[in-house]
Structures are given as structure tokens and as C-alpha cells.
Protein backbone atom coordinates (compact mmCIF):
# COMPACT_ATOMS: atom_id res chain seq x y z
CA MET A 1 -75.95 -37.74 37.61
CA MET A 2 -78.17 -36.66 34.71
CA ASN A 3 -77.10 -33.05 35.20
CA LEU A 4 -73.47 -34.12 35.05
CA ILE A 5 -74.10 -36.05 31.82
CA GLY A 6 -75.87 -33.04 30.38
CA ILE A 7 -72.99 -30.74 31.26
CA ILE A 8 -70.46 -33.15 29.74
CA SER A 9 -72.57 -33.45 26.58
CA CYS A 10 -72.80 -29.69 26.22
CA PHE A 11 -69.07 -29.35 26.78
CA ALA A 12 -68.39 -32.01 24.14
CA CYS A 13 -70.65 -30.21 21.66
CA VAL A 14 -68.75 -26.97 22.28
CA LEU A 15 -65.43 -28.75 21.70
CA ILE A 16 -66.70 -30.29 18.44
CA TRP A 17 -68.01 -26.92 17.30
CA ARG A 18 -64.71 -25.24 18.15
CA ALA A 19 -62.78 -28.00 16.35
CA ASP A 20 -64.92 -27.56 13.23
CA ALA A 21 -64.46 -23.82 13.39
CA TYR A 22 -60.72 -24.24 13.73
CA THR A 23 -60.60 -26.67 10.82
CA ASP A 24 -62.54 -24.28 8.58
CA SER A 25 -60.39 -21.29 9.50
CA ARG A 26 -56.98 -22.88 9.07
CA PRO A 27 -54.89 -21.31 6.29
CA LEU A 28 -55.07 -23.44 3.19
CA LEU A 29 -51.34 -23.72 2.70
CA PRO A 30 -49.13 -26.34 1.07
CA PRO A 31 -47.86 -28.93 1.55
CA PHE A 32 -51.22 -30.63 1.08
CA PRO A 33 -52.06 -34.11 2.40
CA ASN A 34 -50.29 -37.10 0.94
CA GLY A 35 -52.09 -40.15 -0.45
CA VAL A 36 -55.60 -40.97 -1.64
CA CYS A 37 -57.42 -38.69 0.86
CA SER A 38 -60.54 -40.87 1.42
CA GLY A 39 -60.80 -41.63 -2.28
CA SER A 40 -60.09 -44.93 -3.98
CA VAL A 41 -57.62 -46.10 -6.61
CA VAL A 42 -57.94 -48.79 -9.26
CA THR A 43 -55.19 -50.06 -11.54
CA LEU A 44 -56.30 -50.61 -15.11
CA PRO A 45 -55.52 -54.02 -16.64
CA GLN A 46 -52.57 -53.68 -18.98
CA ASP A 47 -53.97 -56.19 -21.46
CA GLU A 48 -57.02 -53.97 -21.98
CA LEU A 49 -54.92 -50.93 -22.88
CA TYR A 50 -51.76 -52.29 -24.45
CA SER A 51 -50.75 -55.04 -26.82
CA THR A 52 -49.20 -57.17 -24.07
CA LYS A 53 -48.69 -60.29 -26.20
CA SER A 54 -45.97 -59.57 -28.70
CA SER A 55 -45.44 -62.05 -31.49
CA PRO A 56 -43.02 -62.25 -34.42
CA PHE A 57 -46.14 -62.85 -36.54
CA ASN A 58 -47.82 -59.68 -35.28
CA LEU A 59 -45.57 -56.89 -36.47
CA PHE A 60 -47.96 -54.10 -35.46
CA SER A 61 -48.18 -55.37 -31.88
CA SER A 62 -44.40 -55.64 -31.59
CA ILE A 63 -43.86 -52.11 -32.92
CA GLU A 64 -46.54 -50.76 -30.62
CA ASN A 65 -44.84 -52.31 -27.59
CA ILE A 66 -41.53 -50.81 -28.63
CA MET A 67 -43.08 -47.36 -28.98
CA LEU A 68 -45.15 -47.51 -25.77
CA PRO A 69 -44.29 -50.39 -23.44
CA PRO A 70 -47.17 -51.53 -21.19
CA ARG A 71 -47.37 -49.96 -17.74
CA ASP A 72 -49.78 -49.60 -14.83
CA VAL A 73 -52.22 -46.74 -15.33
CA LYS A 74 -54.04 -45.85 -12.11
CA VAL A 75 -57.32 -44.01 -11.67
CA TRP A 76 -58.14 -42.05 -8.53
CA MET A 77 -61.82 -41.61 -7.76
CA PRO A 78 -62.94 -39.09 -5.15
CA ALA A 79 -64.92 -40.37 -2.17
CA GLU A 80 -68.05 -38.89 -3.75
CA TYR A 81 -67.85 -41.33 -6.65
CA ASN A 82 -69.11 -44.17 -4.45
CA LYS A 83 -71.58 -42.20 -2.33
CA PRO A 84 -75.29 -43.00 -2.88
CA GLU A 85 -76.20 -39.37 -3.56
CA PHE A 86 -73.71 -39.31 -6.45
CA ARG A 87 -74.63 -42.66 -8.00
CA THR A 88 -76.04 -41.03 -11.14
CA HIS A 89 -73.50 -38.22 -11.23
CA ARG A 90 -70.88 -37.99 -13.97
CA PHE A 91 -67.46 -36.55 -13.23
CA PRO A 92 -64.91 -34.45 -15.12
CA VAL A 93 -61.67 -36.24 -15.92
CA LEU A 94 -58.11 -35.00 -15.44
CA TYR A 95 -55.26 -36.85 -17.17
CA CYS A 96 -51.99 -36.48 -15.32
CA HIS A 97 -48.62 -37.01 -17.02
CA ASP A 98 -45.86 -38.45 -14.82
CA GLY A 99 -48.71 -39.90 -12.80
CA GLN A 100 -46.30 -41.78 -10.54
CA ASN A 101 -45.25 -38.40 -9.10
CA ALA A 102 -48.68 -36.90 -8.60
CA MET A 103 -50.25 -38.45 -5.50
CA GLU A 104 -48.04 -40.61 -3.26
CA ASP A 105 -44.69 -39.46 -1.93
CA ALA A 106 -43.49 -43.05 -1.67
CA ASP A 107 -44.19 -43.67 -5.37
CA SER A 108 -42.45 -40.57 -6.67
CA TRP A 109 -39.03 -40.90 -8.26
CA THR A 110 -37.75 -38.12 -5.95
CA GLY A 111 -39.50 -39.26 -2.77
CA SER A 112 -41.80 -36.22 -2.91
CA SER A 113 -45.02 -35.99 -4.90
CA TRP A 114 -47.10 -33.06 -6.13
CA ARG A 115 -49.84 -34.09 -3.65
CA LEU A 116 -52.35 -33.22 -6.34
CA VAL A 117 -55.12 -35.34 -4.81
CA GLY A 118 -54.58 -33.73 -1.42
CA ALA A 119 -54.91 -30.28 -2.97
CA LEU A 120 -58.05 -31.23 -4.91
CA THR A 121 -59.63 -32.67 -1.78
CA ARG A 122 -58.87 -29.61 0.34
CA LEU A 123 -60.14 -27.20 -2.32
CA TYR A 124 -63.38 -29.18 -2.54
CA GLU A 125 -63.79 -29.30 1.24
CA ARG A 126 -63.47 -25.51 1.39
CA ASP A 127 -66.09 -25.08 -1.35
CA LEU A 128 -63.56 -23.41 -3.63
CA LEU A 129 -64.42 -25.48 -6.71
CA ARG A 130 -67.24 -24.65 -9.11
CA ILE A 131 -67.82 -28.33 -9.93
CA GLU A 132 -70.16 -30.52 -7.88
CA ALA A 133 -67.42 -33.00 -6.97
CA PRO A 134 -63.68 -33.39 -7.63
CA PRO A 135 -62.72 -34.85 -10.99
CA ILE A 136 -61.57 -38.39 -11.62
CA VAL A 137 -57.77 -38.30 -11.99
CA VAL A 138 -56.07 -40.67 -14.42
CA LEU A 139 -52.45 -41.16 -13.36
CA VAL A 140 -50.45 -42.03 -16.45
CA PRO A 141 -46.82 -42.91 -15.62
CA CYS A 142 -44.02 -42.07 -17.99
CA GLY A 143 -41.63 -44.58 -19.51
CA ASP A 144 -39.19 -46.38 -17.25
CA SER A 145 -36.15 -44.32 -18.24
CA PHE A 146 -35.34 -40.67 -18.80
CA GLN A 147 -34.58 -41.38 -22.46
CA ARG A 148 -37.99 -42.98 -23.00
CA ARG A 149 -39.76 -40.22 -21.11
CA HIS A 150 -38.02 -37.61 -23.25
CA SER A 151 -39.33 -39.43 -26.34
CA GLU A 152 -42.91 -39.93 -25.12
CA TYR A 153 -43.20 -36.32 -23.99
CA GLY A 154 -40.92 -35.05 -26.76
CA ASP A 155 -41.45 -32.45 -29.44
CA LEU A 156 -44.57 -32.50 -31.60
CA PRO A 157 -43.01 -34.17 -34.68
CA HIS A 158 -41.36 -36.95 -32.65
CA PRO A 159 -42.91 -40.33 -33.66
CA VAL A 160 -42.96 -41.63 -30.06
CA SER A 161 -44.57 -38.40 -28.90
CA GLN A 162 -47.19 -38.84 -31.62
CA ALA A 163 -47.77 -42.44 -30.50
CA HIS A 164 -48.25 -41.25 -26.91
CA GLY A 165 -50.82 -38.66 -27.95
CA GLU A 166 -52.67 -41.19 -30.07
CA PHE A 167 -52.74 -43.66 -27.18
CA MET A 168 -54.16 -41.03 -24.81
CA ALA A 169 -56.86 -39.89 -27.23
CA THR A 170 -57.88 -43.08 -29.04
CA LYS A 171 -57.28 -45.83 -26.47
CA LEU A 172 -57.11 -44.52 -22.92
CA HIS A 173 -59.81 -41.86 -23.11
CA PRO A 174 -62.45 -44.12 -24.73
CA TYR A 175 -61.61 -46.79 -22.14
CA ILE A 176 -62.12 -44.28 -19.30
CA MET A 177 -65.38 -43.10 -20.86
CA ASN A 178 -66.72 -46.66 -21.06
CA ARG A 179 -65.63 -47.85 -17.64
CA PHE A 180 -66.22 -44.80 -15.43
CA ARG A 181 -69.01 -42.26 -15.02
CA VAL A 182 -67.30 -39.46 -16.91
CA LYS A 183 -68.85 -36.36 -18.47
CA GLU A 184 -68.63 -36.08 -22.23
CA GLY A 185 -67.14 -33.15 -24.12
CA PRO A 186 -63.79 -31.35 -24.18
CA GLU A 187 -65.00 -28.86 -21.57
CA HIS A 188 -64.88 -31.70 -19.04
CA CYS A 189 -61.55 -33.21 -20.12
CA ALA A 190 -58.20 -31.74 -19.05
CA ALA A 191 -54.53 -32.71 -19.04
CA LEU A 192 -51.84 -31.66 -16.60
CA GLY A 193 -48.10 -32.15 -16.40
CA SER A 194 -44.78 -30.66 -15.37
CA SER A 195 -41.65 -29.96 -17.40
CA LEU A 196 -41.86 -32.15 -20.54
CA GLY A 197 -45.16 -33.44 -19.15
CA GLY A 198 -46.43 -29.87 -19.42
CA GLN A 199 -45.49 -29.88 -23.10
CA ALA A 200 -47.24 -33.23 -23.56
CA SER A 201 -50.38 -31.79 -21.95
CA LEU A 202 -50.47 -28.81 -24.30
CA GLN A 203 -49.84 -31.12 -27.25
CA LEU A 204 -52.98 -33.14 -26.42
CA LEU A 205 -55.00 -29.94 -26.59
CA LEU A 206 -53.37 -28.99 -29.91
CA ARG A 207 -53.64 -32.44 -31.51
CA TYR A 208 -57.08 -33.46 -30.24
CA PRO A 209 -59.13 -30.32 -29.59
CA LYS A 210 -62.41 -32.21 -29.87
CA ILE A 211 -61.39 -34.36 -26.86
CA PHE A 212 -59.23 -32.13 -24.64
CA GLY A 213 -60.46 -28.73 -23.56
CA ALA A 214 -57.85 -27.69 -21.02
CA ALA A 215 -54.13 -28.01 -20.33
CA ALA A 216 -52.15 -27.09 -17.24
CA CYS A 217 -48.39 -26.80 -17.76
CA LEU A 218 -46.13 -26.46 -14.71
CA SER A 219 -42.58 -25.35 -15.54
CA PRO A 220 -43.14 -26.56 -19.11
CA CYS A 221 -40.30 -27.50 -21.42
CA PHE A 222 -41.71 -26.25 -24.72
CA GLN A 223 -39.72 -27.25 -27.79
CA ALA A 224 -39.57 -25.83 -31.30
CA GLY A 225 -42.25 -28.04 -32.91
CA THR A 226 -44.75 -27.37 -30.13
CA ILE A 227 -44.12 -23.63 -30.32
CA ALA A 228 -44.53 -23.75 -34.11
CA ALA A 229 -47.86 -25.56 -33.72
CA VAL A 230 -49.15 -22.84 -31.39
CA VAL A 231 -48.04 -20.19 -33.89
CA SER A 232 -49.71 -22.09 -36.75
CA LYS A 233 -53.00 -22.41 -34.89
CA SER A 234 -52.89 -18.75 -33.91
CA ILE A 235 -52.71 -17.77 -37.61
CA ALA A 236 -55.43 -19.97 -39.17
CA PRO A 237 -58.81 -18.29 -38.41
CA SER A 238 -60.79 -21.47 -37.68
CA GLU A 239 -58.07 -22.98 -35.50
CA ARG A 240 -57.52 -19.67 -33.75
CA GLU A 241 -61.16 -19.55 -32.69
CA ASP A 242 -60.90 -23.14 -31.48
CA LEU A 243 -57.79 -22.29 -29.45
CA ARG A 244 -59.59 -19.33 -27.91
CA SER A 245 -62.19 -21.71 -26.49
CA LYS A 246 -59.59 -23.66 -24.49
CA THR A 247 -58.48 -23.27 -20.88
CA ILE A 248 -54.69 -22.94 -20.58
CA TYR A 249 -52.53 -22.54 -17.49
CA ILE A 250 -48.76 -22.00 -17.58
CA ASP A 251 -46.36 -21.29 -14.74
CA ASN A 252 -42.69 -21.48 -13.85
CA GLY A 253 -40.18 -20.55 -11.19
CA GLY A 254 -36.56 -19.57 -11.69
CA ASP A 255 -34.48 -16.47 -11.07
CA VAL A 256 -36.32 -13.16 -10.88
CA ASP A 257 -34.43 -9.93 -10.16
CA ASP A 258 -32.66 -10.45 -6.82
CA THR A 259 -34.47 -13.70 -6.07
CA ARG A 260 -32.33 -16.65 -7.11
CA VAL A 261 -33.00 -20.36 -7.06
CA PRO A 262 -30.64 -21.87 -4.46
CA VAL A 263 -28.23 -24.40 -5.87
CA ILE A 264 -28.98 -26.77 -2.97
CA ASP A 265 -32.09 -27.10 -0.82
CA VAL A 266 -31.48 -29.63 1.95
CA MET A 267 -35.22 -30.23 2.34
CA ASP A 268 -35.20 -31.87 -1.10
CA HIS A 269 -33.43 -34.84 0.46
CA PHE A 270 -35.79 -35.57 3.38
CA THR A 271 -38.01 -37.99 1.49
CA MET A 272 -40.64 -40.67 2.10
CA ASN A 273 -38.62 -43.40 0.41
CA ASP A 274 -34.99 -44.32 -0.24
CA ARG A 275 -34.69 -41.91 -3.16
CA TRP A 276 -33.05 -39.22 -1.08
CA TRP A 277 -31.12 -37.81 -4.02
CA ASN A 278 -33.57 -35.23 -5.31
CA PRO A 279 -31.91 -32.94 -7.84
CA GLY A 280 -33.39 -29.49 -7.67
CA TYR A 281 -32.48 -28.68 -11.28
CA TRP A 282 -31.92 -25.16 -10.00
CA TRP A 283 -31.05 -23.76 -13.44
CA LEU A 284 -33.91 -25.26 -15.48
CA ASP A 285 -36.86 -22.95 -14.88
CA THR A 286 -34.69 -19.94 -15.66
CA SER A 287 -33.32 -21.50 -18.85
CA LEU A 288 -36.82 -22.52 -20.02
CA GLN A 289 -38.15 -18.95 -19.81
CA PRO A 290 -37.47 -18.00 -23.48
CA MET A 291 -39.53 -20.93 -24.77
CA ILE A 292 -42.37 -20.12 -22.39
CA ASP A 293 -42.24 -16.50 -23.53
CA ALA A 294 -42.48 -17.66 -27.15
CA VAL A 295 -45.68 -19.62 -26.45
CA LYS A 296 -47.12 -16.71 -24.48
CA PHE A 297 -46.35 -14.35 -27.36
CA ALA A 298 -48.11 -16.61 -29.86
CA LEU A 299 -51.14 -16.94 -27.59
CA ASP A 300 -51.24 -13.16 -27.05
CA GLN A 301 -51.10 -12.50 -30.79
CA ALA A 302 -54.03 -14.86 -31.31
CA GLY A 303 -56.07 -13.25 -28.54
CA VAL A 304 -56.15 -16.47 -26.54
CA GLN A 305 -57.00 -16.07 -22.88
CA TYR A 306 -54.68 -18.02 -20.59
CA ARG A 307 -53.27 -17.79 -17.10
CA TYR A 308 -49.55 -17.36 -16.50
CA GLU A 309 -48.02 -17.28 -13.03
CA LYS A 310 -44.42 -16.71 -12.06
CA PHE A 311 -42.95 -18.04 -8.81
CA PRO A 312 -39.60 -16.34 -8.10
CA GLY A 313 -37.04 -18.78 -6.77
CA GLY A 314 -39.19 -21.82 -7.61
CA ARG A 315 -37.27 -25.06 -8.13
CA HIS A 316 -37.78 -27.51 -10.98
CA ASN A 317 -38.79 -30.60 -9.03
CA GLU A 318 -41.75 -32.28 -7.34
CA ARG A 319 -41.32 -30.42 -4.06
CA GLY A 320 -41.38 -27.15 -5.95
CA TRP A 321 -44.55 -28.06 -7.84
CA ALA A 322 -46.23 -29.33 -4.67
CA GLN A 323 -45.95 -25.80 -3.25
CA ARG A 324 -48.21 -24.44 -6.00
CA ILE A 325 -50.27 -27.38 -7.28
CA HIS A 326 -53.45 -25.64 -6.12
CA ARG A 327 -52.90 -22.83 -8.65
CA PRO A 328 -53.54 -24.84 -11.83
CA LEU A 329 -56.35 -26.73 -10.11
CA LEU A 330 -58.06 -23.46 -9.25
CA HIS A 331 -57.71 -22.29 -12.83
CA LEU A 332 -59.18 -25.53 -14.16
CA TYR A 333 -61.95 -26.01 -11.60
CA GLY A 334 -62.09 -23.06 -9.21
CA LYS A 335 -64.91 -20.62 -8.71
CA GLU A 336 -64.39 -17.47 -10.73
CA ASP A 337 -63.92 -15.16 -7.75
CA GLU A 338 -61.43 -17.49 -6.07
CA ASN A 339 -59.58 -18.02 -9.34
CA GLU A 340 -58.98 -14.30 -9.67
CA ASN A 341 -57.73 -14.02 -6.08
CA VAL A 342 -54.47 -15.83 -6.79
CA ASN A 343 -52.85 -14.71 -3.54
CA MET A 344 -55.52 -16.25 -1.35
CA PHE A 345 -53.09 -18.80 0.10
CA ASP A 346 -50.07 -16.53 0.60
């Protein structure tokens, strides 16, 4: 009987070893896992971030609510945050525009998310990150309408866009610093977004360089004022040197040579919620190319190091960005050798 138990135990150990080996050797390909991935999420109290009690006698509060209505900001903490061996550890922080689309398919306005947390978790499990643990991710949702989103993430001179940047830098970031174990310094603080959210991420770096040290812009919609600000900073010697110290990632899809973005992709409409109508915006990445090229030109003229990646045929929606969300994360947090090997997942 004991021999039989021993044989079974050895066989079980072999199976476990083979399973681990298989897990480690699987191609690290998108789509990445959906959801919190063993981490935890907290929702920040609105009354601690916003002026939730408007009053006709408090004009400033009323104007502030009109500019930036209160909303639920969520914070994802990796599993390591609550582990005993990390109890004194401080974490980098990543601010994510359109945070409702970043983690959970069911929460996304198209029924598909970027699965950013899933990608971060897998990269960390494979020891592809240079940091000791994944960053804390602050999921900042946009306004509740396309018009409001276009204002909050709008061009640099837009007053609502300015109010959004001020909120991120002077209210939300200090709150995160006080409540969570976050590393200090711009080298540990990054912003990420897609489309207009990509523009908003770059604007944070331009407006508040002492707070934000990195920006990742997926299919960014750069507008004239933002492009002008990059040009201006690339000319002034002191600001040019400051810009050279930043980490910048830019990508986009669109038509390239014979590769065209399909007008319809039926997979866009197989979603995790009732929002089955997922417009692919098939024309957008192609039409945004001139503005991206303008920013690249300004950065090149200033000698700013950045990473630009082109994804032929890439669509302008959450499913499209989920296929390459690991790329900006590797540029922000990856080990140098893995960051250079951009085709490692192909």
C-alpha cells in the first residue's frame, strides 16, 4: 500500500512539474485575462475628491461640479500590495484615462476592455518587468457623455481640459500619495490613455513635468494646441532638457500599404455585456496619422527619445488596443532587453 502511495505521489509531482513547465512555456499572446487577476480594487469616496455638495452660496463649488462632475475613481492594487513581504514596499503609480475601459470587459462601453491589469499581471509573472512588483493602477473614468469626454480630454487651451489636468495633479495625485504606499518622484508616476485619452496623458506630462514622468498614448488624437506645446518645449533649452528626461510611448494602427482596416469586424460585437454595438472606427487611426507625425517630428527635432510602434490594420477601439496593451507596459516598466525585443509576442 505504501509503495502504491509513493508511486501516486511521484506521478502527481511529475504532473505538477509538467503543468508548471507548460504554463511557463505558453506563448504570451493577447487577449490577456479579464478582471482583477488576484489583485484588489477600492473605490475612492467621491466627497474626498470632488465638491459633492453644491450650493448657490458656494459659487466655486458649483462651477467645479459643472467642469468636472463627481464620479467613481477606482484603484487596482496588485496582489503583492497586501503580502507580508511587501508591507514596507512602495509602488509606482499608473493613471489610466477612460479607466472604465481598462480592466473589466463588463464595465467597458463597448463590452471589451483593454485588459490592462491582465497584461501587467502576466508580464510580472514571466519576470519581464524591471520593477519589483506591478504598479498601482488608478482607473479614472471619463465624463458620462462623448461631448463631456471630448472637453475633459480636449486640446491644451480648453478650460475643461485644463480643469481635468489640474484635478489629476493637485487633487487626485496627492490623495493617492497620502492613502497608498506610492513611490515619490516623476520617474515613478505615469499616465496612459487611448485616442483623446492619449492626448490627455501627454498633456499631463507637458503641464506637470515635476509630477508625471511618463506618458503612453495609444492611437492618440493629438490636436493643434497639444502639438504646439510639444514644439514650444522642444525649442526652449531648459524645457527641452526636461522633455528629454521623460518616457514617451506612441502607437497607432490604420492603413499601411496593402493592409487595410476592415470596415466591419464581426468579433467586435461578441461582447461581455449588452453593448454589442462596438464601432470599429475603421477610418480613425489612418486619419490621425498626420497629427501623430507632427508630434514625432517635434520630438525628433528636440532630440527626445521615444518609442513609436505602428500596427498595420489596427482598429480604433478597445478590442484593437487589447491586442497590443503589453507594448506600452513593456516600454514603461519592462526590462531593457525585453523592451527592445518588440516582436517577442508575435
